[in-house]
Amino acid sequence: MAADVLGYLYPTAGFALLHYAPQSVFPSWYLGGATSFVASAGLFGLLWGSVAFCSGSVGWTVLSHVLLDFSGLGARVHFQDD
Protein backbone atom coordinates (compact mmCIF):
# COMPACT_ATOMS: atom_id res chain seq x y z
CA MET A 1 0.00 0.00 0.00
CA ALA A 2 2.73 2.50 0.95
CA ALA A 3 4.69 1.60 -2.17
CA ASP A 4 1.62 2.33 -4.31
CA VAL A 5 1.24 5.77 -2.72
CA LEU A 6 4.92 6.58 -3.17
CA GLY A 7 4.68 5.27 -6.73
CA TYR A 8 2.13 8.02 -7.36
CA LEU A 9 3.64 10.83 -5.31
CA TYR A 10 7.26 10.79 -6.51
CA PRO A 11 6.47 10.85 -10.25
CA THR A 12 3.68 13.38 -9.72
CA ALA A 13 5.96 15.70 -7.75
CA GLY A 14 8.68 15.37 -10.39
CA PHE A 15 6.21 15.98 -13.22
CA ALA A 16 4.79 19.05 -11.50
CA LEU A 17 8.16 20.55 -10.58
CA LEU A 18 9.42 20.00 -14.11
CA HIS A 19 6.74 22.44 -15.24
CA TYR A 20 8.43 25.31 -13.41
CA ALA A 21 10.98 25.44 -16.28
CA PRO A 22 8.63 26.91 -18.92
CA GLN A 23 7.48 29.44 -16.35
CA SER A 24 10.96 30.94 -16.27
CA VAL A 25 10.64 31.76 -19.99
CA PHE A 26 6.92 32.54 -20.29
CA PRO A 27 5.54 33.31 -16.82
CA SER A 28 1.83 32.77 -16.37
CA TRP A 29 -0.10 35.99 -15.88
CA TYR A 30 -3.09 34.19 -14.40
CA LEU A 31 -3.95 34.42 -10.72
CA GLY A 32 -1.41 32.35 -8.82
CA GLY A 33 1.17 32.56 -11.60
CA ALA A 34 3.67 29.75 -11.84
CA THR A 35 2.40 28.11 -8.66
CA SER A 36 -1.11 27.58 -10.04
CA PHE A 37 0.37 26.28 -13.32
CA VAL A 38 2.53 23.78 -11.45
CA ALA A 39 -0.38 22.77 -9.21
CA SER A 40 -2.51 22.01 -12.27
CA ALA A 41 0.37 19.99 -13.71
CA GLY A 42 0.39 18.06 -10.44
CA LEU A 43 -3.31 17.28 -10.83
CA PHE A 44 -2.70 16.05 -14.37
CA GLY A 45 0.21 14.02 -13.00
CA LEU A 46 -2.08 12.28 -10.53
CA LEU A 47 -4.64 11.59 -13.24
CA TRP A 48 -2.09 10.25 -15.70
CA GLY A 49 -0.40 8.28 -12.91
CA SER A 50 -3.63 6.45 -12.18
CA VAL A 51 -4.12 5.70 -15.89
CA ALA A 52 -0.58 4.34 -16.13
CA PHE A 53 -1.05 2.24 -13.00
CA CYS A 54 -4.37 0.77 -14.14
CA SER A 55 -3.25 0.09 -17.70
CA GLY A 56 0.26 -1.05 -16.80
CA SER A 57 1.75 1.25 -19.43
CA VAL A 58 2.62 4.90 -19.91
CA GLY A 59 1.54 4.72 -23.54
CA TRP A 60 -1.92 6.23 -23.01
CA THR A 61 -0.54 8.94 -20.77
CA VAL A 62 2.12 9.91 -23.31
CA LEU A 63 -0.47 10.00 -26.08
CA SER A 64 -2.80 12.13 -23.97
CA HIS A 65 0.00 14.55 -23.04
CA VAL A 66 1.11 14.89 -26.66
CA LEU A 67 -2.46 15.55 -27.83
CA LEU A 68 -2.92 18.15 -25.08
CA ASP A 69 0.32 19.87 -26.09
CA PHE A 70 -0.49 19.73 -29.80
CA SER A 71 -3.93 21.21 -29.16
CA GLY A 72 -2.19 24.52 -28.57
CA LEU A 73 -3.74 25.01 -25.15
CA GLY A 74 -0.47 26.28 -23.71
CA ALA A 75 0.07 28.63 -26.63
CA ARG A 76 -3.43 30.05 -26.27
CA VAL A 77 -2.80 30.74 -22.60
CA HIS A 78 0.60 32.39 -23.08
CA PHE A 79 0.10 34.26 -26.34
CA GLN A 80 -3.47 35.45 -25.94
CA ASP A 81 -4.24 38.91 -27.34
CA ASP A 82 -4.93 41.47 -24.64
PDB file of N, CA and C in Angstrom:
ATOM      1  N   MET A   1       0.824  -1.199   0.000  1.00  0.00           N
ATOM      2  CA  MET A   1       0.000   0.000   0.000  1.00  0.00           C
ATOM      3  C   MET A   1       0.865   1.259   0.000  1.00  0.00           C
ATOM      4  N   ALA A   2       1.861   1.321   0.896  1.00  0.00           N
ATOM      5  CA  ALA A   2       2.729   2.505   0.953  1.00  0.00           C
ATOM      6  C   ALA A   2       3.530   2.654  -0.335  1.00  0.00           C
ATOM      7  N   ALA A   3       3.934   1.532  -0.915  1.00  0.00           N
ATOM      8  CA  ALA A   3       4.691   1.596  -2.166  1.00  0.00           C
ATOM      9  C   ALA A   3       3.826   2.146  -3.294  1.00  0.00           C
ATOM     10  N   ASP A   4       2.530   1.794  -3.295  1.00  0.00           N
ATOM     11  CA  ASP A   4       1.623   2.328  -4.313  1.00  0.00           C
ATOM     12  C   ASP A   4       1.486   3.840  -4.177  1.00  0.00           C
ATOM     13  N   VAL A   5       1.374   4.330  -2.941  1.00  0.00           N
ATOM     14  CA  VAL A   5       1.239   5.767  -2.716  1.00  0.00           C
ATOM     15  C   VAL A   5       2.506   6.491  -3.147  1.00  0.00           C
ATOM     16  N   LEU A   6       3.657   5.951  -2.759  1.00  0.00           N
ATOM     17  CA  LEU A   6       4.921   6.576  -3.169  1.00  0.00           C
ATOM     18  C   LEU A   6       5.113   6.483  -4.673  1.00  0.00           C
ATOM     19  N   GLY A   7       4.608   5.423  -5.281  1.00  0.00           N
ATOM     20  CA  GLY A   7       4.678   5.273  -6.727  1.00  0.00           C
ATOM     21  C   GLY A   7       3.865   6.320  -7.462  1.00  0.00           C
ATOM     22  N   TYR A   8       2.887   6.919  -6.793  1.00  0.00           N
ATOM     23  CA  TYR A   8       2.127   8.023  -7.360  1.00  0.00           C
ATOM     24  C   TYR A   8       2.761   9.364  -7.018  1.00  0.00           C
ATOM     25  N   LEU A   9       3.189   9.516  -5.772  1.00  0.00           N
ATOM     26  CA  LEU A   9       3.637  10.831  -5.309  1.00  0.00           C
ATOM     27  C   LEU A   9       4.969  11.276  -5.908  1.00  0.00           C
ATOM     28  N   TYR A  10       5.956  10.391  -5.965  1.00  0.00           N
ATOM     29  CA  TYR A  10       7.259  10.786  -6.509  1.00  0.00           C
ATOM     30  C   TYR A  10       7.171  11.209  -7.981  1.00  0.00           C
ATOM     31  N   PRO A  11       6.578  10.397  -8.852  1.00  0.00           N
ATOM     32  CA  PRO A  11       6.473  10.848 -10.246  1.00  0.00           C
ATOM     33  C   PRO A  11       5.605  12.091 -10.415  1.00  0.00           C
ATOM     34  N   THR A  12       4.537  12.207  -9.632  1.00  0.00           N
ATOM     35  CA  THR A  12       3.676  13.381  -9.724  1.00  0.00           C
ATOM     36  C   THR A  12       4.427  14.638  -9.308  1.00  0.00           C
ATOM     37  N   ALA A  13       5.172  14.552  -8.212  1.00  0.00           N
ATOM     38  CA  ALA A  13       5.958  15.699  -7.755  1.00  0.00           C
ATOM     39  C   ALA A  13       7.006  16.081  -8.797  1.00  0.00           C
ATOM     40  N   GLY A  14       7.681  15.099  -9.352  1.00  0.00           N
ATOM     41  CA  GLY A  14       8.676  15.368 -10.391  1.00  0.00           C
ATOM     42  C   GLY A  14       8.052  15.994 -11.625  1.00  0.00           C
ATOM     43  N   PHE A  15       6.918  15.454 -12.050  1.00  0.00           N
ATOM     44  CA  PHE A  15       6.211  15.982 -13.224  1.00  0.00           C
ATOM     45  C   PHE A  15       5.790  17.425 -12.989  1.00  0.00           C
ATOM     46  N   ALA A  16       5.246  17.693 -11.809  1.00  0.00           N
ATOM     47  CA  ALA A  16       4.788  19.049 -11.500  1.00  0.00           C
ATOM     48  C   ALA A  16       5.961  20.021 -11.429  1.00  0.00           C
ATOM     49  N   LEU A  17       7.010  19.643 -10.722  1.00  0.00           N
ATOM     50  CA  LEU A  17       8.157  20.547 -10.576  1.00  0.00           C
ATOM     51  C   LEU A  17       8.857  20.803 -11.902  1.00  0.00           C
ATOM     52  N   LEU A  18       8.831  19.828 -12.785  1.00  0.00           N
ATOM     53  CA  LEU A  18       9.421  20.004 -14.111  1.00  0.00           C
ATOM     54  C   LEU A  18       8.731  21.125 -14.879  1.00  0.00           C
ATOM     55  N   HIS A  19       7.487  21.406 -14.545  1.00  0.00           N
ATOM     56  CA  HIS A  19       6.736  22.444 -15.239  1.00  0.00           C
ATOM     57  C   HIS A  19       7.030  23.848 -14.730  1.00  0.00           C
ATOM     58  N   TYR A  20       7.947  23.978 -13.779  1.00  0.00           N
ATOM     59  CA  TYR A  20       8.427  25.314 -13.414  1.00  0.00           C
ATOM     60  C   TYR A  20       9.357  25.866 -14.504  1.00  0.00           C
ATOM     61  N   ALA A  21      10.028  25.001 -15.254  1.00  0.00           N
ATOM     62  CA  ALA A  21      10.984  25.439 -16.277  1.00  0.00           C
ATOM     63  C   ALA A  21      10.353  26.354 -17.322  1.00  0.00           C
ATOM     64  N   PRO A  22       9.209  25.985 -17.933  1.00  0.00           N
ATOM     65  CA  PRO A  22       8.633  26.906 -18.920  1.00  0.00           C
ATOM     66  C   PRO A  22       8.190  28.231 -18.309  1.00  0.00           C
ATOM     67  N   GLN A  23       7.919  28.217 -17.018  1.00  0.00           N
ATOM     68  CA  GLN A  23       7.478  29.442 -16.353  1.00  0.00           C
ATOM     69  C   GLN A  23       8.604  30.456 -16.225  1.00  0.00           C
ATOM     70  N   SER A  24       9.839  29.999 -16.313  1.00  0.00           N
ATOM     71  CA  SER A  24      10.962  30.941 -16.272  1.00  0.00           C
ATOM     72  C   SER A  24      11.107  31.686 -17.596  1.00  0.00           C
ATOM     73  N   VAL A  25      10.575  31.118 -18.674  1.00  0.00           N
ATOM     74  CA  VAL A  25      10.638  31.759 -19.988  1.00  0.00           C
ATOM     75  C   VAL A  25       9.362  32.553 -20.262  1.00  0.00           C
ATOM     76  N   PHE A  26       8.221  31.912 -20.062  1.00  0.00           N
ATOM     77  CA  PHE A  26       6.916  32.544 -20.286  1.00  0.00           C
ATOM     78  C   PHE A  26       6.099  32.452 -19.007  1.00  0.00           C
ATOM     79  N   PRO A  27       6.286  33.388 -18.078  1.00  0.00           N
ATOM     80  CA  PRO A  27       5.537  33.312 -16.820  1.00  0.00           C
ATOM     81  C   PRO A  27       4.027  33.466 -17.042  1.00  0.00           C
ATOM     82  N   SER A  28       3.288  32.699 -16.285  1.00  0.00           N
ATOM     83  CA  SER A  28       1.834  32.766 -16.372  1.00  0.00           C
ATOM     84  C   SER A  28       1.344  34.057 -15.734  1.00  0.00           C
ATOM     85  N   TRP A  29       0.442  34.746 -16.406  1.00  0.00           N
ATOM     86  CA  TRP A  29      -0.098  35.986 -15.877  1.00  0.00           C
ATOM     87  C   TRP A  29      -1.425  35.764 -15.182  1.00  0.00           C
ATOM     88  N   TYR A  30      -1.857  34.504 -15.109  1.00  0.00           N
ATOM     89  CA  TYR A  30      -3.089  34.190 -14.402  1.00  0.00           C
ATOM     90  C   TYR A  30      -2.888  34.267 -12.893  1.00  0.00           C
ATOM     91  N   LEU A  31      -3.979  34.373 -12.167  1.00  0.00           N
ATOM     92  CA  LEU A  31      -3.951  34.424 -10.719  1.00  0.00           C
ATOM     93  C   LEU A  31      -3.198  33.202 -10.178  1.00  0.00           C
ATOM     94  N   GLY A  32      -2.215  33.436  -9.360  1.00  0.00           N
ATOM     95  CA  GLY A  32      -1.406  32.349  -8.817  1.00  0.00           C
ATOM     96  C   GLY A  32      -0.124  32.121  -9.586  1.00  0.00           C
ATOM     97  N   GLY A  33      -0.037  32.642 -10.793  1.00  0.00           N
ATOM     98  CA  GLY A  33       1.173  32.562 -11.602  1.00  0.00           C
ATOM     99  C   GLY A  33       1.701  31.160 -11.785  1.00  0.00           C
ATOM    100  N   ALA A  34       3.002  31.030 -11.619  1.00  0.00           N
ATOM    101  CA  ALA A  34       3.669  29.749 -11.837  1.00  0.00           C
ATOM    102  C   ALA A  34       3.182  28.683 -10.866  1.00  0.00           C
ATOM    103  N   THR A  35       2.844  29.091  -9.659  1.00  0.00           N
ATOM    104  CA  THR A  35       2.402  28.113  -8.663  1.00  0.00           C
ATOM    105  C   THR A  35       1.098  27.439  -9.080  1.00  0.00           C
ATOM    106  N   SER A  36       0.151  28.181  -9.596  1.00  0.00           N
ATOM    107  CA  SER A  36      -1.106  27.575 -10.043  1.00  0.00           C
ATOM    108  C   SER A  36      -0.880  26.695 -11.267  1.00  0.00           C
ATOM    109  N   PHE A  37       0.038  27.101 -12.148  1.00  0.00           N
ATOM    110  CA  PHE A  37       0.368  26.284 -13.318  1.00  0.00           C
ATOM    111  C   PHE A  37       0.961  24.948 -12.882  1.00  0.00           C
ATOM    112  N   VAL A  38       1.883  24.996 -11.931  1.00  0.00           N
ATOM    113  CA  VAL A  38       2.532  23.778 -11.446  1.00  0.00           C
ATOM    114  C   VAL A  38       1.539  22.917 -10.665  1.00  0.00           C
ATOM    115  N   ALA A  39       0.637  23.538  -9.927  1.00  0.00           N
ATOM    116  CA  ALA A  39      -0.385  22.772  -9.210  1.00  0.00           C
ATOM    117  C   ALA A  39      -1.301  22.034 -10.186  1.00  0.00           C
ATOM    118  N   SER A  40      -1.674  22.692 -11.279  1.00  0.00           N
ATOM    119  CA  SER A  40      -2.515  22.008 -12.272  1.00  0.00           C
ATOM    120  C   SER A  40      -1.740  20.885 -12.953  1.00  0.00           C
ATOM    121  N   ALA A  41      -0.447  21.072 -13.165  1.00  0.00           N
ATOM    122  CA  ALA A  41       0.375  19.986 -13.715  1.00  0.00           C
ATOM    123  C   ALA A  41       0.413  18.816 -12.738  1.00  0.00           C
ATOM    124  N   GLY A  42       0.438  19.120 -11.447  1.00  0.00           N
ATOM    125  CA  GLY A  42       0.394  18.061 -10.438  1.00  0.00           C
ATOM    126  C   GLY A  42      -0.912  17.280 -10.488  1.00  0.00           C
ATOM    127  N   LEU A  43      -2.020  17.973 -10.712  1.00  0.00           N
ATOM    128  CA  LEU A  43      -3.309  17.279 -10.831  1.00  0.00           C
ATOM    129  C   LEU A  43      -3.336  16.383 -12.063  1.00  0.00           C
ATOM    130  N   PHE A  44      -2.807  16.895 -13.173  1.00  0.00           N
ATOM    131  CA  PHE A  44      -2.696  16.051 -14.365  1.00  0.00           C
ATOM    132  C   PHE A  44      -1.777  14.868 -14.098  1.00  0.00           C
ATOM    133  N   GLY A  45      -0.709  15.099 -13.351  1.00  0.00           N
ATOM    134  CA  GLY A  45       0.208  14.015 -13.002  1.00  0.00           C
ATOM    135  C   GLY A  45      -0.474  12.912 -12.218  1.00  0.00           C
ATOM    136  N   LEU A  46      -1.333  13.291 -11.280  1.00  0.00           N
ATOM    137  CA  LEU A  46      -2.085  12.283 -10.525  1.00  0.00           C
ATOM    138  C   LEU A  46      -3.041  11.511 -11.429  1.00  0.00           C
ATOM    139  N   LEU A  47      -3.716  12.234 -12.311  1.00  0.00           N
ATOM    140  CA  LEU A  47      -4.640  11.590 -13.243  1.00  0.00           C
ATOM    141  C   LEU A  47      -3.902  10.624 -14.151  1.00  0.00           C
ATOM    142  N   TRP A  48      -2.843  11.099 -14.778  1.00  0.00           N
ATOM    143  CA  TRP A  48      -2.089  10.245 -15.695  1.00  0.00           C
ATOM    144  C   TRP A  48      -1.383   9.115 -14.959  1.00  0.00           C
ATOM    145  N   GLY A  49      -0.992   9.344 -13.710  1.00  0.00           N
ATOM    146  CA  GLY A  49      -0.395   8.277 -12.911  1.00  0.00           C
ATOM    147  C   GLY A  49      -1.383   7.152 -12.660  1.00  0.00           C
ATOM    148  N   SER A  50      -2.631   7.497 -12.405  1.00  0.00           N
ATOM    149  CA  SER A  50      -3.630   6.453 -12.179  1.00  0.00           C
ATOM    150  C   SER A  50      -3.920   5.687 -13.467  1.00  0.00           C
ATOM    151  N   VAL A  51      -3.925   6.379 -14.600  1.00  0.00           N
ATOM    152  CA  VAL A  51      -4.120   5.702 -15.886  1.00  0.00           C
ATOM    153  C   VAL A  51      -2.961   4.741 -16.157  1.00  0.00           C
ATOM    154  N   ALA A  52      -1.742   5.194 -15.911  1.00  0.00           N
ATOM    155  CA  ALA A  52      -0.575   4.335 -16.131  1.00  0.00           C
ATOM    156  C   ALA A  52      -0.595   3.137 -15.198  1.00  0.00           C
ATOM    157  N   PHE A  53      -0.999   3.346 -13.955  1.00  0.00           N
ATOM    158  CA  PHE A  53      -1.052   2.242 -13.000  1.00  0.00           C
ATOM    159  C   PHE A  53      -2.104   1.221 -13.400  1.00  0.00           C
ATOM    160  N   CYS A  54      -3.277   1.695 -13.774  1.00  0.00           N
ATOM    161  CA  CYS A  54      -4.370   0.774 -14.136  1.00  0.00           C
ATOM    162  C   CYS A  54      -4.109   0.043 -15.444  1.00  0.00           C
ATOM    163  N   SER A  55      -3.494   0.721 -16.401  1.00  0.00           N
ATOM    164  CA  SER A  55      -3.252   0.095 -17.698  1.00  0.00           C
ATOM    165  C   SER A  55      -1.939  -0.683 -17.732  1.00  0.00           C
ATOM    166  N   GLY A  56      -1.042  -0.372 -16.804  1.00  0.00           N
ATOM    167  CA  GLY A  56       0.259  -1.054 -16.797  1.00  0.00           C
ATOM    168  C   GLY A  56       1.230  -0.507 -17.821  1.00  0.00           C
ATOM    169  N   SER A  57       0.908   0.649 -18.389  1.00  0.00           N
ATOM    170  CA  SER A  57       1.749   1.245 -19.427  1.00  0.00           C
ATOM    171  C   SER A  57       1.632   2.760 -19.377  1.00  0.00           C
ATOM    172  N   VAL A  58       2.688   3.434 -19.798  1.00  0.00           N
ATOM    173  CA  VAL A  58       2.622   4.895 -19.906  1.00  0.00           C
ATOM    174  C   VAL A  58       2.199   5.340 -21.298  1.00  0.00           C
ATOM    175  N   GLY A  59       1.896   4.399 -22.158  1.00  0.00           N
ATOM    176  CA  GLY A  59       1.538   4.717 -23.537  1.00  0.00           C
ATOM    177  C   GLY A  59       0.362   5.657 -23.658  1.00  0.00           C
ATOM    178  N   TRP A  60      -0.731   5.366 -22.940  1.00  0.00           N
ATOM    179  CA  TRP A  60      -1.916   6.225 -23.013  1.00  0.00           C
ATOM    180  C   TRP A  60      -1.648   7.589 -22.419  1.00  0.00           C
ATOM    181  N   THR A  61      -0.833   7.649 -21.380  1.00  0.00           N
ATOM    182  CA  THR A  61      -0.536   8.945 -20.772  1.00  0.00           C
ATOM    183  C   THR A  61       0.321   9.800 -21.689  1.00  0.00           C
ATOM    184  N   VAL A  62       1.275   9.168 -22.359  1.00  0.00           N
ATOM    185  CA  VAL A  62       2.116   9.907 -23.306  1.00  0.00           C
ATOM    186  C   VAL A  62       1.265  10.424 -24.458  1.00  0.00           C
ATOM    187  N   LEU A  63       0.408   9.583 -24.986  1.00  0.00           N
ATOM    188  CA  LEU A  63      -0.469  10.002 -26.083  1.00  0.00           C
ATOM    189  C   LEU A  63      -1.364  11.166 -25.657  1.00  0.00           C
ATOM    190  N   SER A  64      -1.937  11.061 -24.474  1.00  0.00           N
ATOM    191  CA  SER A  64      -2.795  12.128 -23.970  1.00  0.00           C
ATOM    192  C   SER A  64      -2.022  13.438 -23.782  1.00  0.00           C
ATOM    193  N   HIS A  65      -0.818  13.355 -23.245  1.00  0.00           N
ATOM    194  CA  HIS A  65       0.001  14.552 -23.039  1.00  0.00           C
ATOM    195  C   HIS A  65       0.377  15.186 -24.376  1.00  0.00           C
ATOM    196  N   VAL A  66       0.754  14.378 -25.338  1.00  0.00           N
ATOM    197  CA  VAL A  66       1.114  14.890 -26.663  1.00  0.00           C
ATOM    198  C   VAL A  66      -0.089  15.574 -27.319  1.00  0.00           C
ATOM    199  N   LEU A  67      -1.258  14.946 -27.237  1.00  0.00           N
ATOM    200  CA  LEU A  67      -2.457  15.552 -27.827  1.00  0.00           C
ATOM    201  C   LEU A  67      -2.816  16.859 -27.134  1.00  0.00           C
ATOM    202  N   LEU A  68      -2.663  16.908 -25.813  1.00  0.00           N
ATOM    203  CA  LEU A  68      -2.922  18.150 -25.080  1.00  0.00           C
ATOM    204  C   LEU A  68      -1.948  19.238 -25.523  1.00  0.00           C
ATOM    205  N   ASP A  69      -0.670  18.884 -25.649  1.00  0.00           N
ATOM    206  CA  ASP A  69       0.325  19.868 -26.089  1.00  0.00           C
ATOM    207  C   ASP A  69       0.079  20.323 -27.525  1.00  0.00           C
ATOM    208  N   PHE A  70      -0.248  19.385 -28.408  1.00  0.00           N
ATOM    209  CA  PHE A  70      -0.487  19.734 -29.805  1.00  0.00           C
ATOM    210  C   PHE A  70      -1.782  20.512 -29.996  1.00  0.00           C
ATOM    211  N   SER A  71      -2.673  20.465 -29.031  1.00  0.00           N
ATOM    212  CA  SER A  71      -3.929  21.206 -29.156  1.00  0.00           C
ATOM    213  C   SER A  71      -3.686  22.709 -29.114  1.00  0.00           C
ATOM    214  N   GLY A  72      -2.512  23.103 -28.635  1.00  0.00           N
ATOM    215  CA  GLY A  72      -2.189  24.521 -28.570  1.00  0.00           C
ATOM    216  C   GLY A  72      -2.727  25.200 -27.336  1.00  0.00           C
ATOM    217  N   LEU A  73      -3.179  24.416 -26.367  1.00  0.00           N
ATOM    218  CA  LEU A  73      -3.740  25.007 -25.154  1.00  0.00           C
ATOM    219  C   LEU A  73      -2.726  25.919 -24.472  1.00  0.00           C
ATOM    220  N   GLY A  74      -1.504  25.454 -24.339  1.00  0.00           N
ATOM    221  CA  GLY A  74      -0.469  26.284 -23.712  1.00  0.00           C
ATOM    222  C   GLY A  74      -0.191  27.550 -24.488  1.00  0.00           C
ATOM    223  N   ALA A  75      -0.170  27.448 -25.797  1.00  0.00           N
ATOM    224  CA  ALA A  75       0.074  28.627 -26.627  1.00  0.00           C
ATOM    225  C   ALA A  75      -1.064  29.641 -26.488  1.00  0.00           C
ATOM    226  N   ARG A  76      -2.287  29.136 -26.432  1.00  0.00           N
ATOM    227  CA  ARG A  76      -3.433  30.047 -26.274  1.00  0.00           C
ATOM    228  C   ARG A  76      -3.361  30.776 -24.938  1.00  0.00           C
ATOM    229  N   VAL A  77      -2.893  30.105 -23.918  1.00  0.00           N
ATOM    230  CA  VAL A  77      -2.800  30.736 -22.601  1.00  0.00           C
ATOM    231  C   VAL A  77      -1.707  31.796 -22.600  1.00  0.00           C
ATOM    232  N   HIS A  78      -0.543  31.493 -23.170  1.00  0.00           N
ATOM    233  CA  HIS A  78       0.604  32.391 -23.085  1.00  0.00           C
ATOM    234  C   HIS A  78       0.591  33.512 -24.117  1.00  0.00           C
ATOM    235  N   PHE A  79       0.016  33.273 -25.275  1.00  0.00           N
ATOM    236  CA  PHE A  79       0.099  34.262 -26.342  1.00  0.00           C
ATOM    237  C   PHE A  79      -1.264  34.849 -26.700  1.00  0.00           C
ATOM    238  N   GLN A  80      -2.136  34.918 -25.728  1.00  0.00           N
ATOM    239  CA  GLN A  80      -3.472  35.453 -25.941  1.00  0.00           C
ATOM    240  C   GLN A  80      -3.390  36.962 -26.163  1.00  0.00           C
ATOM    241  N   ASP A  81      -4.187  37.458 -27.120  1.00  0.00           N
ATOM    242  CA  ASP A  81      -4.235  38.912 -27.341  1.00  0.00           C
ATOM    243  C   ASP A  81      -4.891  39.588 -26.155  1.00  0.00           C
ATOM    244  N   ASP A  82      -4.367  40.740 -25.773  1.00  0.00           N
ATOM    245  CA  ASP A  82      -4.931  41.473 -24.645  1.00  0.00           C
ATOM    246  C   ASP A  82      -6.090  42.330 -25.061  1.00  0.00           C
TER     247      ASP A  82
END
